[in-house]
């Protein structure tokens, strides 16, 4: 493996990560939270507990 190439790619990706922190960190977190909220509210109330485990506990 070419160490210099790996270091160059790593540096490029880290620079991209720090240029776009919202897209790199916050967007996936917000997307996941919205998924839990929407499906938890829409489906969770209609699904019964299975072996004393609720839908919300199962998803998390």
N, C-alpha and C. Protein backbone atom coordinates (compact mmCIF):
# COMPACT_ATOMS: atom_id res chain seq x y z
N UNK A 1 0.84 -1.18 0.00
CA UNK A 1 0.00 0.00 0.00
C UNK A 1 0.88 1.24 0.00
N UNK A 2 0.41 2.23 -0.65
CA UNK A 2 1.13 3.48 -0.76
C UNK A 2 0.74 4.38 0.42
N UNK A 3 1.63 4.55 1.37
CA UNK A 3 1.36 5.34 2.57
C UNK A 3 1.07 6.80 2.27
N UNK A 4 1.78 7.35 1.31
CA UNK A 4 1.57 8.77 0.98
C UNK A 4 0.18 8.99 0.38
N UNK A 5 -0.26 8.06 -0.45
CA UNK A 5 -1.60 8.18 -1.04
C UNK A 5 -2.67 8.07 0.03
N UNK A 6 -2.50 7.15 0.96
CA UNK A 6 -3.47 6.99 2.04
C UNK A 6 -3.52 8.25 2.89
N UNK A 7 -2.36 8.80 3.22
CA UNK A 7 -2.31 10.03 4.01
C UNK A 7 -2.96 11.20 3.27
N UNK A 8 -2.75 11.28 1.96
CA UNK A 8 -3.35 12.35 1.16
C UNK A 8 -4.87 12.23 1.16
N UNK A 9 -5.38 11.03 0.96
CA UNK A 9 -6.83 10.82 0.97
C UNK A 9 -7.40 11.12 2.35
N UNK A 10 -6.71 10.68 3.39
CA UNK A 10 -7.15 10.95 4.75
C UNK A 10 -7.23 12.45 5.01
N UNK A 11 -6.19 13.18 4.63
CA UNK A 11 -6.18 14.64 4.84
C UNK A 11 -7.28 15.32 4.05
N UNK A 12 -7.51 14.87 2.82
CA UNK A 12 -8.58 15.45 2.01
C UNK A 12 -9.95 15.21 2.66
N UNK A 13 -10.18 14.00 3.12
CA UNK A 13 -11.47 13.67 3.75
C UNK A 13 -11.66 14.42 5.06
N UNK A 14 -10.62 14.59 5.84
CA UNK A 14 -10.74 15.34 7.08
C UNK A 14 -11.02 16.82 6.79
N UNK A 15 -10.40 17.37 5.77
CA UNK A 15 -10.67 18.76 5.39
C UNK A 15 -12.12 18.91 4.94
N UNK A 16 -12.62 17.95 4.17
CA UNK A 16 -14.02 17.99 3.73
C UNK A 16 -14.95 17.89 4.92
N UNK A 17 -14.63 17.02 5.86
CA UNK A 17 -15.44 16.84 7.06
C UNK A 17 -15.55 18.15 7.84
N UNK A 18 -14.46 18.85 8.01
CA UNK A 18 -14.48 20.09 8.79
C UNK A 18 -15.06 21.26 8.02
N UNK A 19 -15.11 21.19 6.68
CA UNK A 19 -15.75 22.24 5.89
C UNK A 19 -17.27 22.14 5.98
N UNK A 20 -17.78 20.94 6.15
CA UNK A 20 -19.22 20.71 6.14
C UNK A 20 -19.67 19.96 7.39
N UNK A 21 -19.52 20.55 8.57
CA UNK A 21 -19.89 19.81 9.79
C UNK A 21 -21.39 19.51 9.87
N UNK A 22 -22.22 20.39 9.34
CA UNK A 22 -23.66 20.15 9.39
C UNK A 22 -24.02 18.90 8.60
N UNK A 23 -23.51 18.80 7.38
CA UNK A 23 -23.82 17.64 6.55
C UNK A 23 -23.18 16.37 7.09
N UNK A 24 -22.05 16.51 7.75
CA UNK A 24 -21.31 15.34 8.24
C UNK A 24 -21.86 14.80 9.55
N UNK A 25 -22.33 15.66 10.42
CA UNK A 25 -22.75 15.22 11.76
C UNK A 25 -24.24 15.41 12.03
N UNK A 26 -24.70 16.61 11.87
CA UNK A 26 -26.06 16.93 12.30
C UNK A 26 -27.13 16.31 11.40
N UNK A 27 -26.93 16.30 10.11
CA UNK A 27 -27.95 15.79 9.21
C UNK A 27 -28.28 14.31 9.47
N UNK A 28 -27.30 13.42 9.62
CA UNK A 28 -27.65 12.03 9.93
C UNK A 28 -28.35 11.87 11.29
N UNK A 29 -27.97 12.68 12.26
CA UNK A 29 -28.61 12.60 13.58
C UNK A 29 -30.06 13.04 13.48
N UNK A 30 -30.30 14.16 12.81
CA UNK A 30 -31.66 14.67 12.65
C UNK A 30 -32.51 13.67 11.87
N UNK A 31 -31.96 13.09 10.83
CA UNK A 31 -32.68 12.11 10.04
C UNK A 31 -33.08 10.89 10.87
N UNK A 32 -32.18 10.40 11.69
CA UNK A 32 -32.47 9.25 12.53
C UNK A 32 -33.53 9.57 13.57
N UNK A 33 -33.43 10.74 14.19
CA UNK A 33 -34.42 11.13 15.19
C UNK A 33 -35.80 11.27 14.56
N UNK A 34 -35.88 11.87 13.38
CA UNK A 34 -37.16 11.98 12.69
C UNK A 34 -37.74 10.62 12.36
N UNK A 35 -36.90 9.68 11.95
CA UNK A 35 -37.35 8.32 11.66
C UNK A 35 -37.98 7.70 12.91
N UNK A 36 -37.30 7.80 14.04
CA UNK A 36 -37.83 7.24 15.28
C UNK A 36 -39.14 7.89 15.68
N UNK A 37 -39.22 9.20 15.56
CA UNK A 37 -40.43 9.92 15.97
C UNK A 37 -41.60 9.58 15.06
N UNK A 38 -41.39 9.61 13.75
CA UNK A 38 -42.48 9.37 12.81
C UNK A 38 -42.98 7.93 12.91
N UNK A 39 -42.08 6.97 12.83
CA UNK A 39 -42.52 5.59 12.88
C UNK A 39 -42.98 5.19 14.27
N UNK A 40 -42.39 5.77 15.29
CA UNK A 40 -42.85 5.49 16.64
C UNK A 40 -44.27 5.97 16.87
N UNK A 41 -44.60 7.14 16.34
CA UNK A 41 -45.94 7.68 16.50
C UNK A 41 -46.95 6.99 15.58
N UNK A 42 -46.55 6.72 14.35
CA UNK A 42 -47.48 6.16 13.38
C UNK A 42 -47.71 4.66 13.58
N UNK A 43 -46.67 3.93 13.83
CA UNK A 43 -46.78 2.47 13.91
C UNK A 43 -46.79 1.98 15.35
N UNK A 44 -46.05 2.64 16.21
CA UNK A 44 -45.90 2.17 17.58
C UNK A 44 -47.20 2.05 18.35
N UNK A 45 -48.15 2.93 18.07
CA UNK A 45 -49.42 2.86 18.78
C UNK A 45 -50.29 1.71 18.29
N UNK A 46 -50.02 1.19 17.11
CA UNK A 46 -50.84 0.12 16.53
C UNK A 46 -50.28 -1.28 16.76
N UNK A 47 -49.05 -1.35 17.22
CA UNK A 47 -48.41 -2.65 17.42
C UNK A 47 -48.46 -3.00 18.91
N UNK A 48 -48.87 -4.21 19.18
CA UNK A 48 -48.93 -4.66 20.57
C UNK A 48 -47.54 -5.07 21.04
N UNK A 49 -47.38 -5.13 22.35
CA UNK A 49 -46.12 -5.59 22.92
C UNK A 49 -45.94 -7.08 22.65
N UNK A 50 -44.72 -7.46 22.35
CA UNK A 50 -44.39 -8.86 22.13
C UNK A 50 -43.43 -9.27 23.24
N UNK A 51 -43.85 -10.23 24.04
CA UNK A 51 -43.06 -10.70 25.18
C UNK A 51 -42.63 -9.53 26.08
N UNK A 52 -43.58 -8.66 26.36
CA UNK A 52 -43.38 -7.49 27.23
C UNK A 52 -42.34 -6.50 26.71
N UNK A 53 -42.11 -6.48 25.41
CA UNK A 53 -41.21 -5.50 24.80
C UNK A 53 -42.04 -4.62 23.87
N UNK A 54 -42.07 -3.32 24.16
CA UNK A 54 -42.84 -2.41 23.33
C UNK A 54 -42.11 -2.13 22.01
N UNK A 55 -42.84 -1.56 21.06
CA UNK A 55 -42.25 -1.24 19.76
C UNK A 55 -41.11 -0.25 19.91
N UNK A 56 -41.30 0.78 20.73
CA UNK A 56 -40.26 1.79 20.93
C UNK A 56 -38.99 1.20 21.52
N UNK A 57 -39.14 0.33 22.50
CA UNK A 57 -37.96 -0.31 23.10
C UNK A 57 -37.27 -1.23 22.11
N UNK A 58 -38.04 -1.89 21.27
CA UNK A 58 -37.46 -2.78 20.27
C UNK A 58 -36.65 -2.00 19.23
N UNK A 59 -37.18 -0.88 18.78
CA UNK A 59 -36.50 -0.09 17.76
C UNK A 59 -35.22 0.52 18.30
N UNK A 60 -35.26 1.03 19.52
CA UNK A 60 -34.07 1.65 20.10
C UNK A 60 -33.10 0.57 20.47
